[in-house]
Amino acid sequence: MEFLKLAKDRYSVRKFCDKKVEKEKLDLILEVGRVAPTAVNYQPQRIFVLDTEEALSKLKACTTYHFHAPLALLICYDKTVSWKRSYDGKDMGEVDVSIVATHMMLEVTNLGLGSTWVGHFDPQKIEEVFELPENIIPVALLPIGYPDETSVPHPNHNKRFDIGVTVFSCVD
């Protein structure tokens, strides 16, 4: 698929059918996340696959925004591995996993599946329920599955600012 078309076609799927995601497709999604760029190539991403009834039940205890997907990825980073900017010590782990998650979301669409980025969750509850060590920082959830036949993009999906609103020239 042409990349711009892929990027435009991707939308936040909030209603999934019950069909399980095939292992081959999950493996491709995870591989795309593995090869995504990270600061200094430190690869701090730590991705937890939630695809069992038990894991998905635990997820439901942490957020109402699970959309009953048959699969979810808990996207985290290891703060002991992530690169820190020397000027101010900014931890780039959250940036890194945002890049990783975005790459995976686009591969999800490329494979005919749907997903949505979920940031609305209680991180402390995630840490407790999934027994994450203190160095693992949860950033996002990606519910993934086959879109329900009634799933449609949000009405605002195609509303975009003119490029002049978001892009500026620094040259006089």
N, C-alpha and C. Protein backbone atom coordinates (compact mmCIF):
# COMPACT_ATOMS: atom_id res chain seq x y z
N MET A 1 0.85 -1.18 0.00
CA MET A 1 0.00 0.00 0.00
C MET A 1 0.89 1.24 0.00
N GLU A 2 0.52 2.24 -0.75
CA GLU A 2 1.25 3.50 -0.73
C GLU A 2 1.19 4.09 0.68
N PHE A 3 2.33 4.61 1.15
CA PHE A 3 2.42 5.02 2.56
C PHE A 3 1.42 6.12 2.91
N LEU A 4 1.28 7.16 2.09
CA LEU A 4 0.35 8.24 2.43
C LEU A 4 -1.07 7.71 2.51
N LYS A 5 -1.44 6.82 1.62
CA LYS A 5 -2.78 6.22 1.67
C LYS A 5 -2.95 5.42 2.96
N LEU A 6 -1.93 4.64 3.31
CA LEU A 6 -1.96 3.87 4.56
C LEU A 6 -2.15 4.80 5.75
N ALA A 7 -1.39 5.88 5.80
CA ALA A 7 -1.48 6.83 6.92
C ALA A 7 -2.86 7.47 6.98
N LYS A 8 -3.43 7.78 5.83
CA LYS A 8 -4.77 8.39 5.81
C LYS A 8 -5.87 7.39 6.15
N ASP A 9 -5.69 6.15 5.73
CA ASP A 9 -6.71 5.12 5.97
C ASP A 9 -6.77 4.67 7.42
N ARG A 10 -5.64 4.74 8.14
CA ARG A 10 -5.61 4.31 9.53
C ARG A 10 -6.53 5.21 10.36
N TYR A 11 -7.33 4.59 11.17
CA TYR A 11 -8.18 5.35 12.09
C TYR A 11 -8.27 4.59 13.41
N SER A 12 -8.72 5.26 14.44
CA SER A 12 -8.84 4.65 15.75
C SER A 12 -10.06 3.75 15.80
N VAL A 13 -9.81 2.46 15.81
CA VAL A 13 -10.88 1.46 15.86
C VAL A 13 -11.28 1.27 17.31
N ARG A 14 -12.56 1.45 17.58
CA ARG A 14 -13.06 1.35 18.94
C ARG A 14 -14.11 0.25 19.10
N LYS A 15 -14.26 -0.55 18.04
CA LYS A 15 -15.20 -1.67 18.10
C LYS A 15 -14.62 -2.81 17.26
N PHE A 16 -14.38 -3.92 17.94
CA PHE A 16 -13.73 -5.06 17.30
C PHE A 16 -14.67 -6.26 17.25
N CYS A 17 -14.47 -7.12 16.26
CA CYS A 17 -15.20 -8.39 16.26
C CYS A 17 -14.40 -9.39 17.09
N ASP A 18 -14.95 -10.56 17.30
CA ASP A 18 -14.34 -11.55 18.19
C ASP A 18 -13.18 -12.32 17.56
N LYS A 19 -13.00 -12.22 16.27
CA LYS A 19 -11.98 -13.01 15.57
C LYS A 19 -10.60 -12.74 16.15
N LYS A 20 -9.88 -13.81 16.44
CA LYS A 20 -8.52 -13.69 16.99
C LYS A 20 -7.55 -13.23 15.91
N VAL A 21 -6.54 -12.52 16.35
CA VAL A 21 -5.47 -12.10 15.46
C VAL A 21 -4.50 -13.27 15.30
N GLU A 22 -4.20 -13.60 14.05
CA GLU A 22 -3.32 -14.72 13.76
C GLU A 22 -1.91 -14.44 14.28
N LYS A 23 -1.23 -15.49 14.73
CA LYS A 23 0.13 -15.37 15.26
C LYS A 23 1.06 -14.76 14.23
N GLU A 24 0.91 -15.11 12.97
CA GLU A 24 1.78 -14.58 11.92
C GLU A 24 1.65 -13.06 11.83
N LYS A 25 0.43 -12.56 11.98
CA LYS A 25 0.21 -11.11 11.92
C LYS A 25 0.78 -10.44 13.17
N LEU A 26 0.56 -11.03 14.32
CA LEU A 26 1.13 -10.48 15.55
C LEU A 26 2.65 -10.45 15.45
N ASP A 27 3.24 -11.51 14.93
CA ASP A 27 4.70 -11.56 14.79
C ASP A 27 5.20 -10.42 13.89
N LEU A 28 4.48 -10.13 12.80
CA LEU A 28 4.88 -9.02 11.91
C LEU A 28 4.78 -7.68 12.63
N ILE A 29 3.71 -7.49 13.38
CA ILE A 29 3.53 -6.24 14.14
C ILE A 29 4.68 -6.05 15.13
N LEU A 30 5.01 -7.11 15.83
CA LEU A 30 6.10 -7.04 16.82
C LEU A 30 7.45 -6.82 16.15
N GLU A 31 7.66 -7.39 14.98
CA GLU A 31 8.92 -7.20 14.25
C GLU A 31 9.06 -5.75 13.80
N VAL A 32 7.97 -5.15 13.35
CA VAL A 32 8.01 -3.74 12.97
C VAL A 32 8.38 -2.88 14.19
N GLY A 33 7.86 -3.22 15.35
CA GLY A 33 8.24 -2.51 16.57
C GLY A 33 9.69 -2.73 16.94
N ARG A 34 10.19 -3.91 16.67
CA ARG A 34 11.58 -4.23 16.99
C ARG A 34 12.56 -3.42 16.15
N VAL A 35 12.22 -3.17 14.89
CA VAL A 35 13.15 -2.48 14.00
C VAL A 35 12.92 -0.97 13.94
N ALA A 36 11.93 -0.47 14.66
CA ALA A 36 11.65 0.97 14.67
C ALA A 36 12.84 1.73 15.26
N PRO A 37 13.06 2.95 14.79
CA PRO A 37 14.19 3.72 15.32
C PRO A 37 13.97 4.17 16.77
N THR A 38 15.06 4.18 17.52
CA THR A 38 15.06 4.69 18.88
C THR A 38 16.33 5.52 19.07
N ALA A 39 16.33 6.40 20.05
CA ALA A 39 17.48 7.27 20.30
C ALA A 39 18.73 6.43 20.55
N VAL A 40 19.76 6.72 19.79
CA VAL A 40 21.05 6.05 19.87
C VAL A 40 20.90 4.52 19.68
N ASN A 41 19.76 4.11 19.14
CA ASN A 41 19.44 2.70 18.94
C ASN A 41 19.54 1.89 20.24
N TYR A 42 19.19 2.52 21.36
CA TYR A 42 19.24 1.82 22.65
C TYR A 42 18.10 0.81 22.83
N GLN A 43 17.05 0.95 22.05
CA GLN A 43 15.94 0.00 22.05
C GLN A 43 15.38 -0.28 23.45
N PRO A 44 14.89 0.77 24.13
CA PRO A 44 14.38 0.57 25.49
C PRO A 44 12.96 0.02 25.54
N GLN A 45 12.33 -0.17 24.38
CA GLN A 45 10.94 -0.61 24.37
C GLN A 45 10.81 -2.00 24.99
N ARG A 46 9.77 -2.13 25.78
CA ARG A 46 9.41 -3.41 26.39
C ARG A 46 7.92 -3.56 26.14
N ILE A 47 7.57 -4.54 25.34
CA ILE A 47 6.19 -4.70 24.87
C ILE A 47 5.62 -5.98 25.45
N PHE A 48 4.51 -5.85 26.12
CA PHE A 48 3.84 -6.98 26.74
C PHE A 48 2.61 -7.33 25.90
N VAL A 49 2.54 -8.59 25.46
CA VAL A 49 1.43 -9.07 24.65
C VAL A 49 0.33 -9.58 25.58
N LEU A 50 -0.82 -8.97 25.47
CA LEU A 50 -1.98 -9.34 26.30
C LEU A 50 -2.99 -10.03 25.38
N ASP A 51 -2.95 -11.34 25.35
CA ASP A 51 -3.83 -12.07 24.43
C ASP A 51 -4.53 -13.25 25.07
N THR A 52 -4.38 -13.40 26.37
CA THR A 52 -5.10 -14.47 27.06
C THR A 52 -6.30 -13.85 27.79
N GLU A 53 -7.23 -14.70 28.13
CA GLU A 53 -8.41 -14.23 28.87
C GLU A 53 -7.99 -13.57 30.19
N GLU A 54 -7.00 -14.17 30.85
CA GLU A 54 -6.52 -13.63 32.13
C GLU A 54 -5.87 -12.26 31.95
N ALA A 55 -5.00 -12.13 30.96
CA ALA A 55 -4.31 -10.85 30.74
C ALA A 55 -5.30 -9.76 30.33
N LEU A 56 -6.25 -10.10 29.46
CA LEU A 56 -7.23 -9.10 29.02
C LEU A 56 -8.17 -8.71 30.16
N SER A 57 -8.45 -9.64 31.05
CA SER A 57 -9.25 -9.34 32.23
C SER A 57 -8.51 -8.36 33.15
N LYS A 58 -7.21 -8.60 33.32
CA LYS A 58 -6.39 -7.67 34.11
C LYS A 58 -6.40 -6.28 33.48
N LEU A 59 -6.30 -6.23 32.16
CA LEU A 59 -6.32 -4.94 31.45
C LEU A 59 -7.63 -4.20 31.74
N LYS A 60 -8.72 -4.91 31.72
CA LYS A 60 -10.03 -4.29 31.95
C LYS A 60 -10.13 -3.69 33.35
N ALA A 61 -9.32 -4.18 34.28
CA ALA A 61 -9.29 -3.61 35.62
C ALA A 61 -8.52 -2.29 35.66
N CYS A 62 -7.78 -1.99 34.59
CA CYS A 62 -6.92 -0.80 34.56
C CYS A 62 -7.46 0.33 33.70
N THR A 63 -8.39 0.01 32.80
CA THR A 63 -8.94 1.04 31.91
C THR A 63 -10.28 0.58 31.37
N THR A 64 -11.15 1.53 31.13
CA THR A 64 -12.40 1.22 30.45
C THR A 64 -12.21 1.26 28.93
N TYR A 65 -11.05 1.71 28.48
CA TYR A 65 -10.79 1.89 27.05
C TYR A 65 -10.03 0.71 26.46
N HIS A 66 -10.60 -0.47 26.63
CA HIS A 66 -10.01 -1.69 26.07
C HIS A 66 -10.76 -2.11 24.83
N PHE A 67 -11.99 -1.62 24.67
CA PHE A 67 -12.83 -1.83 23.50
C PHE A 67 -13.07 -3.31 23.18
N HIS A 68 -12.90 -4.16 24.18
CA HIS A 68 -13.13 -5.59 24.03
C HIS A 68 -12.33 -6.20 22.90
N ALA A 69 -11.14 -5.66 22.65
CA ALA A 69 -10.26 -6.20 21.62
C ALA A 69 -9.75 -7.57 22.04
N PRO A 70 -9.53 -8.47 21.09
CA PRO A 70 -9.04 -9.80 21.43
C PRO A 70 -7.54 -9.84 21.74
N LEU A 71 -6.88 -8.70 21.56
CA LEU A 71 -5.44 -8.59 21.76
C LEU A 71 -5.13 -7.15 22.14
N ALA A 72 -4.18 -6.97 23.01
CA ALA A 72 -3.69 -5.62 23.31
C ALA A 72 -2.19 -5.70 23.57
N LEU A 73 -1.52 -4.64 23.21
CA LEU A 73 -0.09 -4.53 23.51
C LEU A 73 0.08 -3.44 24.56
N LEU A 74 0.79 -3.78 25.61
CA LEU A 74 1.14 -2.82 26.65
C LEU A 74 2.54 -2.33 26.29
N ILE A 75 2.64 -1.07 25.92
CA ILE A 75 3.89 -0.50 25.42
C ILE A 75 4.58 0.25 26.57
N CYS A 76 5.77 -0.21 26.90
CA CYS A 76 6.53 0.35 28.02
C CYS A 76 7.96 0.63 27.56
N TYR A 77 8.72 1.27 28.43
CA TYR A 77 10.16 1.38 28.21
C TYR A 77 10.89 1.13 29.51
N ASP A 78 12.14 0.71 29.36
CA ASP A 78 13.01 0.46 30.49
C ASP A 78 13.84 1.72 30.73
N LYS A 79 13.58 2.40 31.84
CA LYS A 79 14.25 3.67 32.10
C LYS A 79 15.73 3.50 32.42
N THR A 80 16.18 2.27 32.68
CA THR A 80 17.62 2.05 32.89
C THR A 80 18.36 1.86 31.57
N VAL A 81 17.61 1.74 30.48
CA VAL A 81 18.21 1.51 29.16
C VAL A 81 18.07 2.74 28.26
N SER A 82 16.98 3.49 28.42
CA SER A 82 16.69 4.61 27.52
C SER A 82 17.79 5.68 27.56
N TRP A 83 17.97 6.33 26.42
CA TRP A 83 18.97 7.39 26.30
C TRP A 83 18.47 8.65 26.99
N LYS A 84 19.37 9.32 27.70
CA LYS A 84 19.06 10.59 28.35
C LYS A 84 19.85 11.70 27.65
N ARG A 85 19.16 12.76 27.26
CA ARG A 85 19.79 13.87 26.57
C ARG A 85 20.78 14.55 27.51
N SER A 86 22.00 14.79 27.03
CA SER A 86 23.07 15.31 27.89
C SER A 86 22.84 16.76 28.33
N TYR A 87 22.12 17.54 27.56
CA TYR A 87 21.91 18.95 27.90
C TYR A 87 21.04 19.15 29.13
N ASP A 88 20.01 18.33 29.24
CA ASP A 88 19.06 18.54 30.34
C ASP A 88 18.63 17.24 31.02
N GLY A 89 19.18 16.11 30.59
CA GLY A 89 18.85 14.84 31.21
C GLY A 89 17.51 14.27 30.81
N LYS A 90 16.84 14.89 29.81
CA LYS A 90 15.53 14.40 29.39
C LYS A 90 15.62 12.94 28.96
N ASP A 91 14.75 12.13 29.53
CA ASP A 91 14.67 10.71 29.21
C ASP A 91 13.89 10.57 27.91
N MET A 92 14.50 9.97 26.90
CA MET A 92 13.86 9.83 25.60
C MET A 92 13.05 8.54 25.46
N GLY A 93 12.89 7.81 26.55
CA GLY A 93 12.15 6.55 26.50
C GLY A 93 10.73 6.70 26.00
N GLU A 94 10.04 7.72 26.46
CA GLU A 94 8.65 7.92 26.03
C GLU A 94 8.59 8.26 24.54
N VAL A 95 9.55 9.04 24.07
CA VAL A 95 9.62 9.35 22.64
C VAL A 95 9.88 8.07 21.85
N ASP A 96 10.85 7.29 22.31
CA ASP A 96 11.19 6.04 21.63
C ASP A 96 9.99 5.12 21.49
N VAL A 97 9.28 4.89 22.58
CA VAL A 97 8.16 3.96 22.49
C VAL A 97 6.98 4.55 21.72
N SER A 98 6.91 5.87 21.64
CA SER A 98 5.88 6.48 20.80
C SER A 98 6.17 6.19 19.33
N ILE A 99 7.44 6.25 18.95
CA ILE A 99 7.83 5.90 17.59
C ILE A 99 7.53 4.43 17.33
N VAL A 100 7.92 3.57 18.24
CA VAL A 100 7.69 2.12 18.11
C VAL A 100 6.20 1.84 17.97
N ALA A 101 5.39 2.42 18.84
CA ALA A 101 3.95 2.17 18.81
C ALA A 101 3.32 2.68 17.51
N THR A 102 3.78 3.83 17.03
CA THR A 102 3.25 4.37 15.79
C THR A 102 3.57 3.44 14.62
N HIS A 103 4.79 2.96 14.56
CA HIS A 103 5.16 2.02 13.50
C HIS A 103 4.25 0.77 13.57
N MET A 104 4.03 0.27 14.77
CA MET A 104 3.20 -0.92 14.91
C MET A 104 1.75 -0.64 14.51
N MET A 105 1.24 0.54 14.87
CA MET A 105 -0.13 0.89 14.49
C MET A 105 -0.30 0.91 12.97
N LEU A 106 0.71 1.43 12.29
CA LEU A 106 0.63 1.47 10.83
C LEU A 106 0.71 0.07 10.23
N GLU A 107 1.52 -0.80 10.80
CA GLU A 107 1.57 -2.19 10.33
C GLU A 107 0.25 -2.90 10.61
N VAL A 108 -0.38 -2.61 11.73
CA VAL A 108 -1.70 -3.17 12.04
C VAL A 108 -2.66 -2.84 10.89
N THR A 109 -2.69 -1.59 10.47
CA THR A 109 -3.56 -1.18 9.38
C THR A 109 -3.16 -1.87 8.08
N ASN A 110 -1.88 -1.94 7.82
CA ASN A 110 -1.38 -2.58 6.61
C ASN A 110 -1.83 -4.05 6.53
N LEU A 111 -2.00 -4.69 7.68
CA LEU A 111 -2.41 -6.10 7.73
C LEU A 111 -3.92 -6.29 7.72
N GLY A 112 -4.68 -5.19 7.60
CA GLY A 112 -6.13 -5.30 7.57
C GLY A 112 -6.77 -5.38 8.94
N LEU A 113 -6.00 -5.04 9.96
CA LEU A 113 -6.50 -5.02 11.33
C LEU A 113 -6.76 -3.59 11.76
N GLY A 114 -7.26 -3.41 12.98
CA GLY A 114 -7.48 -2.09 13.52
C GLY A 114 -6.87 -1.96 14.90
N SER A 115 -6.64 -0.73 15.30
CA SER A 115 -6.11 -0.44 16.63
C SER A 115 -6.48 0.98 17.01
N THR A 116 -6.18 1.31 18.23
CA THR A 116 -6.28 2.69 18.68
C THR A 116 -5.25 2.88 19.78
N TRP A 117 -4.74 4.09 19.87
CA TRP A 117 -3.77 4.44 20.91
C TRP A 117 -4.55 4.77 22.16
N VAL A 118 -4.26 4.09 23.26
CA VAL A 118 -4.92 4.38 24.53
C VAL A 118 -3.89 4.87 25.53
N GLY A 119 -4.09 6.08 25.97
CA GLY A 119 -3.24 6.65 27.02
C GLY A 119 -4.01 6.85 28.31
N HIS A 120 -5.31 6.59 28.26
CA HIS A 120 -6.19 6.79 29.41
C HIS A 120 -6.22 5.52 30.25
N PHE A 121 -5.25 5.43 31.15
CA PHE A 121 -5.18 4.30 32.08
C PHE A 121 -4.43 4.77 33.31
N ASP A 122 -4.61 4.04 34.39
CA ASP A 122 -3.93 4.35 35.64
C ASP A 122 -2.58 3.63 35.62
N PRO A 123 -1.47 4.36 35.46
CA PRO A 123 -0.17 3.69 35.36
C PRO A 123 0.20 2.89 36.61
N GLN A 124 -0.17 3.40 37.78
CA GLN A 124 0.13 2.65 39.00
C GLN A 124 -0.62 1.33 39.04
N LYS A 125 -1.86 1.36 38.59
CA LYS A 125 -2.67 0.13 38.54
C LYS A 125 -2.06 -0.86 37.54
N ILE A 126 -1.63 -0.36 36.38
CA ILE A 126 -0.96 -1.21 35.38
C ILE A 126 0.28 -1.86 36.00
N GLU A 127 1.08 -1.04 36.68
CA GLU A 127 2.31 -1.55 37.30
C GLU A 127 1.99 -2.64 38.32
N GLU A 128 0.95 -2.42 39.12
CA GLU A 128 0.57 -3.39 40.14
C GLU A 128 -0.01 -4.67 39.53
N VAL A 129 -0.99 -4.50 38.66
CA VAL A 129 -1.71 -5.64 38.10
C VAL A 129 -0.80 -6.53 37.27
N PHE A 130 0.09 -5.91 36.51
CA PHE A 130 1.00 -6.70 35.66
C PHE A 130 2.36 -6.93 36.31
N GLU A 131 2.47 -6.51 37.57
CA GLU A 131 3.68 -6.74 38.36
C GLU A 131 4.95 -6.28 37.63
N LEU A 132 4.90 -5.04 37.14
CA LEU A 132 6.04 -4.49 36.43
C LEU A 132 7.11 -4.04 37.42
N PRO A 133 8.36 -4.32 37.12
CA PRO A 133 9.43 -3.79 37.98
C PRO A 133 9.48 -2.27 37.86
N GLU A 134 10.07 -1.60 38.84
CA GLU A 134 10.01 -0.13 38.88
C GLU A 134 10.75 0.54 37.72
N ASN A 135 11.62 -0.16 37.05
CA ASN A 135 12.34 0.42 35.91
C ASN A 135 11.54 0.37 34.61
N ILE A 136 10.41 -0.33 34.61
CA ILE A 136 9.57 -0.45 33.41
C ILE A 136 8.42 0.55 33.51
N ILE A 137 8.38 1.48 32.55
CA ILE A 137 7.42 2.58 32.58
C ILE A 137 6.35 2.38 31.50
N PRO A 138 5.09 2.20 31.89
CA PRO A 138 4.02 2.04 30.89
C PRO A 138 3.69 3.39 30.24
N VAL A 139 3.52 3.37 28.91
CA VAL A 139 3.25 4.60 28.17
C VAL A 139 1.92 4.52 27.42
N ALA A 140 1.65 3.40 26.79
CA ALA A 140 0.45 3.31 25.95
C ALA A 140 -0.06 1.88 25.89
N LEU A 141 -1.32 1.78 25.53
CA LEU A 141 -1.96 0.50 25.25
C LEU A 141 -2.42 0.53 23.79
N LEU A 142 -2.24 -0.58 23.10
CA LEU A 142 -2.75 -0.70 21.74
C LEU A 142 -3.70 -1.89 21.67
N PRO A 143 -5.02 -1.65 21.84
CA PRO A 143 -5.97 -2.73 21.56
C PRO A 143 -5.91 -3.02 20.06
N ILE A 144 -5.89 -4.29 19.69
CA ILE A 144 -5.73 -4.67 18.28
C ILE A 144 -6.70 -5.80 17.96
N GLY A 145 -7.26 -5.74 16.75
CA GLY A 145 -8.12 -6.82 16.29
C GLY A 145 -8.72 -6.48 14.95
N TYR A 146 -9.63 -7.33 14.53
CA TYR A 146 -10.36 -7.08 13.30
C TYR A 146 -11.49 -6.10 13.61
N PRO A 147 -11.59 -5.01 12.86
CA PRO A 147 -12.66 -4.06 13.12
C PRO A 147 -14.03 -4.71 12.93
N ASP A 148 -14.95 -4.38 13.81
CA ASP A 148 -16.33 -4.81 13.67
C ASP A 148 -16.88 -4.19 12.38
N GLU A 149 -17.82 -4.87 11.75
CA GLU A 149 -18.37 -4.36 10.48
C GLU A 149 -19.03 -2.98 10.65
N THR A 150 -19.39 -2.62 11.87
CA THR A 150 -20.01 -1.30 12.10
C THR A 150 -18.98 -0.24 12.51
N SER A 151 -17.71 -0.63 12.59
CA SER A 151 -16.67 0.31 13.00
C SER A 151 -16.41 1.34 11.89
N VAL A 152 -16.41 2.59 12.27
CA VAL A 152 -16.14 3.68 11.32
C VAL A 152 -15.24 4.70 12.01
N PRO A 153 -14.51 5.48 11.19
CA PRO A 153 -13.69 6.53 11.78
C PRO A 153 -14.55 7.56 12.52
N HIS A 154 -13.97 8.18 13.52
CA HIS A 154 -14.61 9.28 14.24
C HIS A 154 -14.92 10.39 13.23
N PRO A 155 -16.00 11.14 13.43
CA PRO A 155 -16.34 12.22 12.49
C PRO A 155 -15.21 13.24 12.28
N ASN A 156 -14.35 13.41 13.27
CA ASN A 156 -13.24 14.36 13.11
C ASN A 156 -12.01 13.77 12.43
N HIS A 157 -12.06 12.49 12.10
CA HIS A 157 -10.87 11.80 11.57
C HIS A 157 -10.23 12.52 10.39
N ASN A 158 -11.02 12.96 9.45
CA ASN A 158 -10.46 13.57 8.24
C ASN A 158 -10.32 15.09 8.32
N LYS A 159 -10.64 15.67 9.45
CA LYS A 159 -10.48 17.12 9.61
C LYS A 159 -9.03 17.42 9.94
N ARG A 160 -8.36 18.11 9.07
CA ARG A 160 -6.95 18.45 9.26
C ARG A 160 -6.76 19.94 9.03
N PHE A 161 -5.87 20.53 9.81
CA PHE A 161 -5.49 21.92 9.59
C PHE A 161 -4.77 22.02 8.25
N ASP A 162 -4.82 23.18 7.66
CA ASP A 162 -3.99 23.47 6.50
C ASP A 162 -2.54 23.33 6.93
N ILE A 163 -1.69 22.86 6.05
CA ILE A 163 -0.29 22.62 6.41
C ILE A 163 0.40 23.88 6.92
N GLY A 164 -0.03 25.04 6.48
CA GLY A 164 0.55 26.30 6.94
C GLY A 164 0.28 26.60 8.41
N VAL A 165 -0.67 25.91 9.00
CA VAL A 165 -0.98 26.10 10.41
C VAL A 165 0.00 25.34 11.29
N THR A 166 0.55 24.24 10.77
CA THR A 166 1.39 23.37 11.59
C THR A 166 2.86 23.32 11.16
N VAL A 167 3.18 23.91 10.00
CA VAL A 167 4.56 23.87 9.49
C VAL A 167 5.04 25.28 9.26
N PHE A 168 6.26 25.56 9.73
CA PHE A 168 6.82 26.91 9.65
C PHE A 168 8.22 26.87 9.05
N SER A 169 8.60 27.94 8.40
CA SER A 169 9.95 28.07 7.88
C SER A 169 10.77 28.87 8.86
N CYS A 170 11.99 28.44 9.11
CA CYS A 170 12.88 29.17 10.02
C CYS A 170 13.86 30.05 9.25
N VAL A 171 13.69 30.10 7.95
CA VAL A 171 14.57 30.90 7.10
C VAL A 171 13.88 32.21 6.78
N ASP A 172 14.60 33.33 6.95
CA ASP A 172 14.01 34.64 6.63
C ASP A 172 13.98 34.89 5.15
